[in-house]
Amino acid sequence: IVQDYFNMMMVVDASGSDVDFDALS
């Protein structure tokens, strides 16, 4: 968080997901 602005980056593994990439996005 920089002066009230939030920034997050995640690396995730969706190989076990029950939704496809387009639905997730």
PDB file of all heavy atoms in Angstrom:
ATOM      1  N   ILE A   1       0.868  -1.173   0.000  1.00  0.00           N
ATOM      2  CA  ILE A   1       0.000   0.000   0.000  1.00  0.00           C
ATOM      3  C   ILE A   1       0.907   1.226   0.000  1.00  0.00           C
ATOM      4  O   ILE A   1       1.791   1.351   0.841  1.00  0.00           O
ATOM      5  CB  ILE A   1      -0.926   0.018   1.223  1.00  0.00           C
ATOM      6  CG1 ILE A   1      -1.817  -1.229   1.211  1.00  0.00           C
ATOM      7  CG2 ILE A   1      -1.777   1.285   1.234  1.00  0.00           C
ATOM      8  CD1 ILE A   1      -2.556  -1.467   2.491  1.00  0.00           C
ATOM      9  N   VAL A   2       0.687   2.098  -0.968  1.00  0.00           N
ATOM     10  CA  VAL A   2       1.461   3.327  -1.086  1.00  0.00           C
ATOM     11  C   VAL A   2       0.476   4.492  -1.106  1.00  0.00           C
ATOM     12  O   VAL A   2      -0.314   4.614  -2.055  1.00  0.00           O
ATOM     13  CB  VAL A   2       2.331   3.324  -2.369  1.00  0.00           C
ATOM     14  CG1 VAL A   2       3.083   4.634  -2.503  1.00  0.00           C
ATOM     15  CG2 VAL A   2       3.283   2.134  -2.377  1.00  0.00           C
ATOM     16  N   GLN A   3       0.501   5.290  -0.055  1.00  0.00           N
ATOM     17  CA  GLN A   3      -0.377   6.459   0.067  1.00  0.00           C
ATOM     18  C   GLN A   3      -1.825   6.146  -0.325  1.00  0.00           C
ATOM     19  O   GLN A   3      -2.384   6.744  -1.238  1.00  0.00           O
ATOM     20  CB  GLN A   3       0.164   7.627  -0.757  1.00  0.00           C
ATOM     21  CG  GLN A   3       1.466   8.159  -0.224  1.00  0.00           C
ATOM     22  CD  GLN A   3       1.885   9.447  -0.917  1.00  0.00           C
ATOM     23  OE1 GLN A   3       1.147  10.016  -1.716  1.00  0.00           O
ATOM     24  NE2 GLN A   3       3.079   9.907  -0.600  1.00  0.00           N
ATOM     25  N   ASP A   4      -2.409   5.200   0.343  1.00  0.00           N
ATOM     26  CA  ASP A   4      -3.815   4.804   0.156  1.00  0.00           C
ATOM     27  C   ASP A   4      -4.094   4.039  -1.138  1.00  0.00           C
ATOM     28  O   ASP A   4      -5.249   3.771  -1.453  1.00  0.00           O
ATOM     29  CB  ASP A   4      -4.763   6.007   0.230  1.00  0.00           C
ATOM     30  CG  ASP A   4      -4.761   6.682   1.590  1.00  0.00           C
ATOM     31  OD1 ASP A   4      -4.567   5.972   2.604  1.00  0.00           O
ATOM     32  OD2 ASP A   4      -4.960   7.907   1.641  1.00  0.00           O
ATOM     33  N   TYR A   5      -3.069   3.704  -1.902  1.00  0.00           N
ATOM     34  CA  TYR A   5      -3.273   2.913  -3.111  1.00  0.00           C
ATOM     35  C   TYR A   5      -2.766   1.497  -2.883  1.00  0.00           C
ATOM     36  O   TYR A   5      -1.631   1.279  -2.475  1.00  0.00           O
ATOM     37  CB  TYR A   5      -2.594   3.556  -4.327  1.00  0.00           C
ATOM     38  CG  TYR A   5      -3.302   4.818  -4.718  1.00  0.00           C
ATOM     39  CD1 TYR A   5      -2.864   6.056  -4.258  1.00  0.00           C
ATOM     40  CD2 TYR A   5      -4.452   4.769  -5.501  1.00  0.00           C
ATOM     41  CE1 TYR A   5      -3.545   7.212  -4.584  1.00  0.00           C
ATOM     42  CE2 TYR A   5      -5.135   5.930  -5.826  1.00  0.00           C
ATOM     43  CZ  TYR A   5      -4.675   7.141  -5.368  1.00  0.00           C
ATOM     44  OH  TYR A   5      -5.360   8.290  -5.677  1.00  0.00           O
ATOM     45  N   PHE A   6      -3.631   0.541  -3.172  1.00  0.00           N
ATOM     46  CA  PHE A   6      -3.368  -0.877  -2.949  1.00  0.00           C
ATOM     47  C   PHE A   6      -2.853  -1.507  -4.231  1.00  0.00           C
ATOM     48  O   PHE A   6      -3.380  -1.238  -5.314  1.00  0.00           O
ATOM     49  CB  PHE A   6      -4.681  -1.555  -2.521  1.00  0.00           C
ATOM     50  CG  PHE A   6      -4.564  -3.026  -2.292  1.00  0.00           C
ATOM     51  CD1 PHE A   6      -4.180  -3.519  -1.058  1.00  0.00           C
ATOM     52  CD2 PHE A   6      -4.855  -3.932  -3.301  1.00  0.00           C
ATOM     53  CE1 PHE A   6      -4.089  -4.878  -0.835  1.00  0.00           C
ATOM     54  CE2 PHE A   6      -4.762  -5.289  -3.091  1.00  0.00           C
ATOM     55  CZ  PHE A   6      -4.384  -5.764  -1.849  1.00  0.00           C
ATOM     56  N   ASN A   7      -1.836  -2.355  -4.107  1.00  0.00           N
ATOM     57  CA  ASN A   7      -1.286  -3.080  -5.252  1.00  0.00           C
ATOM     58  C   ASN A   7      -0.977  -4.502  -4.804  1.00  0.00           C
ATOM     59  O   ASN A   7      -0.274  -4.697  -3.812  1.00  0.00           O
ATOM     60  CB  ASN A   7      -0.030  -2.384  -5.768  1.00  0.00           C
ATOM     61  CG  ASN A   7       0.521  -3.055  -7.005  1.00  0.00           C
ATOM     62  OD1 ASN A   7      -0.212  -3.645  -7.783  1.00  0.00           O
ATOM     63  ND2 ASN A   7       1.826  -2.971  -7.177  1.00  0.00           N
ATOM     64  N   MET A   8      -1.509  -5.480  -5.503  1.00  0.00           N
ATOM     65  CA  MET A   8      -1.244  -6.881  -5.173  1.00  0.00           C
ATOM     66  C   MET A   8      -0.955  -7.654  -6.455  1.00  0.00           C
ATOM     67  O   MET A   8      -1.574  -7.418  -7.492  1.00  0.00           O
ATOM     68  CB  MET A   8      -2.450  -7.511  -4.466  1.00  0.00           C
ATOM     69  CG  MET A   8      -2.256  -8.978  -4.127  1.00  0.00           C
ATOM     70  SD  MET A   8      -3.543  -9.644  -3.032  1.00  0.00           S
ATOM     71  CE  MET A   8      -5.001  -9.551  -4.069  1.00  0.00           C
ATOM     72  N   MET A   9      -0.010  -8.562  -6.347  1.00  0.00           N
ATOM     73  CA  MET A   9       0.299  -9.462  -7.450  1.00  0.00           C
ATOM     74  C   MET A   9       0.303 -10.875  -6.902  1.00  0.00           C
ATOM     75  O   MET A   9       0.884 -11.138  -5.851  1.00  0.00           O
ATOM     76  CB  MET A   9       1.658  -9.132  -8.065  1.00  0.00           C
ATOM     77  CG  MET A   9       2.015  -9.981  -9.235  1.00  0.00           C
ATOM     78  SD  MET A   9       3.526  -9.342  -9.984  1.00  0.00           S
ATOM     79  CE  MET A   9       3.790 -10.573 -11.221  1.00  0.00           C
ATOM     80  N   MET A  10      -0.369 -11.759  -7.589  1.00  0.00           N
ATOM     81  CA  MET A  10      -0.454 -13.155  -7.176  1.00  0.00           C
ATOM     82  C   MET A  10      -0.053 -14.051  -8.331  1.00  0.00           C
ATOM     83  O   MET A  10      -0.346 -13.755  -9.493  1.00  0.00           O
ATOM     84  CB  MET A  10      -1.891 -13.537  -6.787  1.00  0.00           C
ATOM     85  CG  MET A  10      -2.524 -12.645  -5.763  1.00  0.00           C
ATOM     86  SD  MET A  10      -4.273 -13.009  -5.558  1.00  0.00           S
ATOM     87  CE  MET A  10      -4.179 -14.311  -4.367  1.00  0.00           C
ATOM     88  N   VAL A  11       0.611 -15.148  -8.005  1.00  0.00           N
ATOM     89  CA  VAL A  11       0.842 -16.216  -8.966  1.00  0.00           C
ATOM     90  C   VAL A  11       0.027 -17.392  -8.444  1.00  0.00           C
ATOM     91  O   VAL A  11       0.185 -17.797  -7.285  1.00  0.00           O
ATOM     92  CB  VAL A  11       2.335 -16.600  -9.066  1.00  0.00           C
ATOM     93  CG1 VAL A  11       2.522 -17.734 -10.057  1.00  0.00           C
ATOM     94  CG2 VAL A  11       3.179 -15.394  -9.460  1.00  0.00           C
ATOM     95  N   VAL A  12      -0.876 -17.886  -9.276  1.00  0.00           N
ATOM     96  CA  VAL A  12      -1.761 -18.964  -8.843  1.00  0.00           C
ATOM     97  C   VAL A  12      -1.673 -20.143  -9.808  1.00  0.00           C
ATOM     98  O   VAL A  12      -1.277 -19.990 -10.960  1.00  0.00           O
ATOM     99  CB  VAL A  12      -3.227 -18.474  -8.730  1.00  0.00           C
ATOM    100  CG1 VAL A  12      -3.330 -17.310  -7.751  1.00  0.00           C
ATOM    101  CG2 VAL A  12      -3.813 -18.100 -10.074  1.00  0.00           C
ATOM    102  N   ASP A  13      -2.054 -21.307  -9.299  1.00  0.00           N
ATOM    103  CA  ASP A  13      -2.133 -22.515 -10.115  1.00  0.00           C
ATOM    104  C   ASP A  13      -3.603 -22.881 -10.258  1.00  0.00           C
ATOM    105  O   ASP A  13      -4.260 -23.211  -9.273  1.00  0.00           O
ATOM    106  CB  ASP A  13      -1.363 -23.654  -9.442  1.00  0.00           C
ATOM    107  CG  ASP A  13      -1.461 -24.969 -10.196  1.00  0.00           C
ATOM    108  OD1 ASP A  13      -1.970 -24.977 -11.337  1.00  0.00           O
ATOM    109  OD2 ASP A  13      -1.050 -25.995  -9.626  1.00  0.00           O
ATOM    110  N   ALA A  14      -4.103 -22.810 -11.478  1.00  0.00           N
ATOM    111  CA  ALA A  14      -5.513 -23.089 -11.730  1.00  0.00           C
ATOM    112  C   ALA A  14      -5.733 -24.473 -12.335  1.00  0.00           C
ATOM    113  O   ALA A  14      -6.814 -24.771 -12.830  1.00  0.00           O
ATOM    114  CB  ALA A  14      -6.096 -22.015 -12.647  1.00  0.00           C
ATOM    115  N   SER A  15      -4.735 -25.346 -12.266  1.00  0.00           N
ATOM    116  CA  SER A  15      -4.881 -26.661 -12.890  1.00  0.00           C
ATOM    117  C   SER A  15      -5.965 -27.506 -12.220  1.00  0.00           C
ATOM    118  O   SER A  15      -6.540 -28.382 -12.853  1.00  0.00           O
ATOM    119  CB  SER A  15      -3.547 -27.408 -12.932  1.00  0.00           C
ATOM    120  OG  SER A  15      -3.010 -27.553 -11.640  1.00  0.00           O
ATOM    121  N   GLY A  16      -6.283 -27.259 -10.961  1.00  0.00           N
ATOM    122  CA  GLY A  16      -7.341 -28.006 -10.281  1.00  0.00           C
ATOM    123  C   GLY A  16      -8.660 -27.264 -10.225  1.00  0.00           C
ATOM    124  O   GLY A  16      -9.612 -27.710  -9.573  1.00  0.00           O
ATOM    125  N   SER A  17      -8.736 -26.134 -10.904  1.00  0.00           N
ATOM    126  CA  SER A  17      -9.914 -25.276 -10.826  1.00  0.00           C
ATOM    127  C   SER A  17     -11.127 -25.906 -11.506  1.00  0.00           C
ATOM    128  O   SER A  17     -11.004 -26.653 -12.479  1.00  0.00           O
ATOM    129  CB  SER A  17      -9.621 -23.921 -11.488  1.00  0.00           C
ATOM    130  OG  SER A  17     -10.753 -23.103 -11.436  1.00  0.00           O
ATOM    131  N   ASP A  18     -12.311 -25.550 -10.989  1.00  0.00           N
ATOM    132  CA  ASP A  18     -13.549 -26.027 -11.596  1.00  0.00           C
ATOM    133  C   ASP A  18     -14.134 -25.015 -12.590  1.00  0.00           C
ATOM    134  O   ASP A  18     -15.241 -25.185 -13.072  1.00  0.00           O
ATOM    135  CB  ASP A  18     -14.574 -26.376 -10.513  1.00  0.00           C
ATOM    136  CG  ASP A  18     -14.917 -25.209  -9.599  1.00  0.00           C
ATOM    137  OD1 ASP A  18     -14.420 -24.091  -9.824  1.00  0.00           O
ATOM    138  OD2 ASP A  18     -15.687 -25.424  -8.641  1.00  0.00           O
ATOM    139  N   VAL A  19     -13.380 -23.939 -12.881  1.00  0.00           N
ATOM    140  CA  VAL A  19     -13.779 -22.972 -13.900  1.00  0.00           C
ATOM    141  C   VAL A  19     -12.618 -22.768 -14.875  1.00  0.00           C
ATOM    142  O   VAL A  19     -11.456 -22.926 -14.502  1.00  0.00           O
ATOM    143  CB  VAL A  19     -14.187 -21.601 -13.289  1.00  0.00           C
ATOM    144  CG1 VAL A  19     -15.435 -21.744 -12.448  1.00  0.00           C
ATOM    145  CG2 VAL A  19     -13.074 -20.987 -12.475  1.00  0.00           C
ATOM    146  N   ASP A  20     -12.934 -22.424 -16.110  1.00  0.00           N
ATOM    147  CA  ASP A  20     -11.865 -22.183 -17.079  1.00  0.00           C
ATOM    148  C   ASP A  20     -11.314 -20.763 -16.924  1.00  0.00           C
ATOM    149  O   ASP A  20     -11.848 -19.950 -16.167  1.00  0.00           O
ATOM    150  CB  ASP A  20     -12.336 -22.455 -18.511  1.00  0.00           C
ATOM    151  CG  ASP A  20     -13.411 -21.508 -19.013  1.00  0.00           C
ATOM    152  OD1 ASP A  20     -13.622 -20.435 -18.396  1.00  0.00           O
ATOM    153  OD2 ASP A  20     -14.045 -21.825 -20.037  1.00  0.00           O
ATOM    154  N   PHE A  21     -10.251 -20.470 -17.660  1.00  0.00           N
ATOM    155  CA  PHE A  21      -9.566 -19.185 -17.535  1.00  0.00           C
ATOM    156  C   PHE A  21     -10.507 -18.011 -17.820  1.00  0.00           C
ATOM    157  O   PHE A  21     -10.504 -17.024 -17.095  1.00  0.00           O
ATOM    158  CB  PHE A  21      -8.346 -19.113 -18.462  1.00  0.00           C
ATOM    159  CG  PHE A  21      -7.712 -17.758 -18.468  1.00  0.00           C
ATOM    160  CD1 PHE A  21      -6.861 -17.373 -17.443  1.00  0.00           C
ATOM    161  CD2 PHE A  21      -8.001 -16.839 -19.471  1.00  0.00           C
ATOM    162  CE1 PHE A  21      -6.293 -16.102 -17.419  1.00  0.00           C
ATOM    163  CE2 PHE A  21      -7.435 -15.571 -19.458  1.00  0.00           C
ATOM    164  CZ  PHE A  21      -6.582 -15.208 -18.439  1.00  0.00           C
ATOM    165  N   ASP A  22     -11.284 -18.113 -18.880  1.00  0.00           N
ATOM    166  CA  ASP A  22     -12.165 -17.000 -19.248  1.00  0.00           C
ATOM    167  C   ASP A  22     -13.186 -16.701 -18.155  1.00  0.00           C
ATOM    168  O   ASP A  22     -13.437 -15.531 -17.835  1.00  0.00           O
ATOM    169  CB  ASP A  22     -12.867 -17.287 -20.581  1.00  0.00           C
ATOM    170  CG  ASP A  22     -11.902 -17.278 -21.755  1.00  0.00           C
ATOM    171  OD1 ASP A  22     -10.869 -16.579 -21.673  1.00  0.00           O
ATOM    172  OD2 ASP A  22     -12.178 -17.968 -22.754  1.00  0.00           O
ATOM    173  N   ALA A  23     -13.774 -17.740 -17.579  1.00  0.00           N
ATOM    174  CA  ALA A  23     -14.755 -17.548 -16.506  1.00  0.00           C
ATOM    175  C   ALA A  23     -14.092 -16.955 -15.270  1.00  0.00           C
ATOM    176  O   ALA A  23     -14.646 -16.065 -14.617  1.00  0.00           O
ATOM    177  CB  ALA A  23     -15.434 -18.877 -16.165  1.00  0.00           C
ATOM    178  N   LEU A  24     -12.889 -17.426 -14.951  1.00  0.00           N
ATOM    179  CA  LEU A  24     -12.144 -16.918 -13.804  1.00  0.00           C
ATOM    180  C   LEU A  24     -11.817 -15.447 -13.998  1.00  0.00           C
ATOM    181  O   LEU A  24     -12.054 -14.621 -13.116  1.00  0.00           O
ATOM    182  CB  LEU A  24     -10.860 -17.730 -13.610  1.00  0.00           C
ATOM    183  CG  LEU A  24      -9.969 -17.282 -12.480  1.00  0.00           C
ATOM    184  CD1 LEU A  24      -9.752 -18.424 -11.491  1.00  0.00           C
ATOM    185  CD2 LEU A  24      -8.636 -16.809 -13.005  1.00  0.00           C
ATOM    186  N   SER A  25     -11.320 -15.095 -15.166  1.00  0.00           N
ATOM    187  CA  SER A  25     -10.953 -13.718 -15.469  1.00  0.00           C
ATOM    188  C   SER A  25     -12.173 -12.798 -15.396  1.00  0.00           C
ATOM    189  O   SER A  25     -12.109 -11.704 -14.826  1.00  0.00           O
ATOM    190  CB  SER A  25     -10.309 -13.654 -16.861  1.00  0.00           C
ATOM    191  OG  SER A  25      -9.931 -12.349 -17.176  1.00  0.00           O
TER     192      SER A  25
END
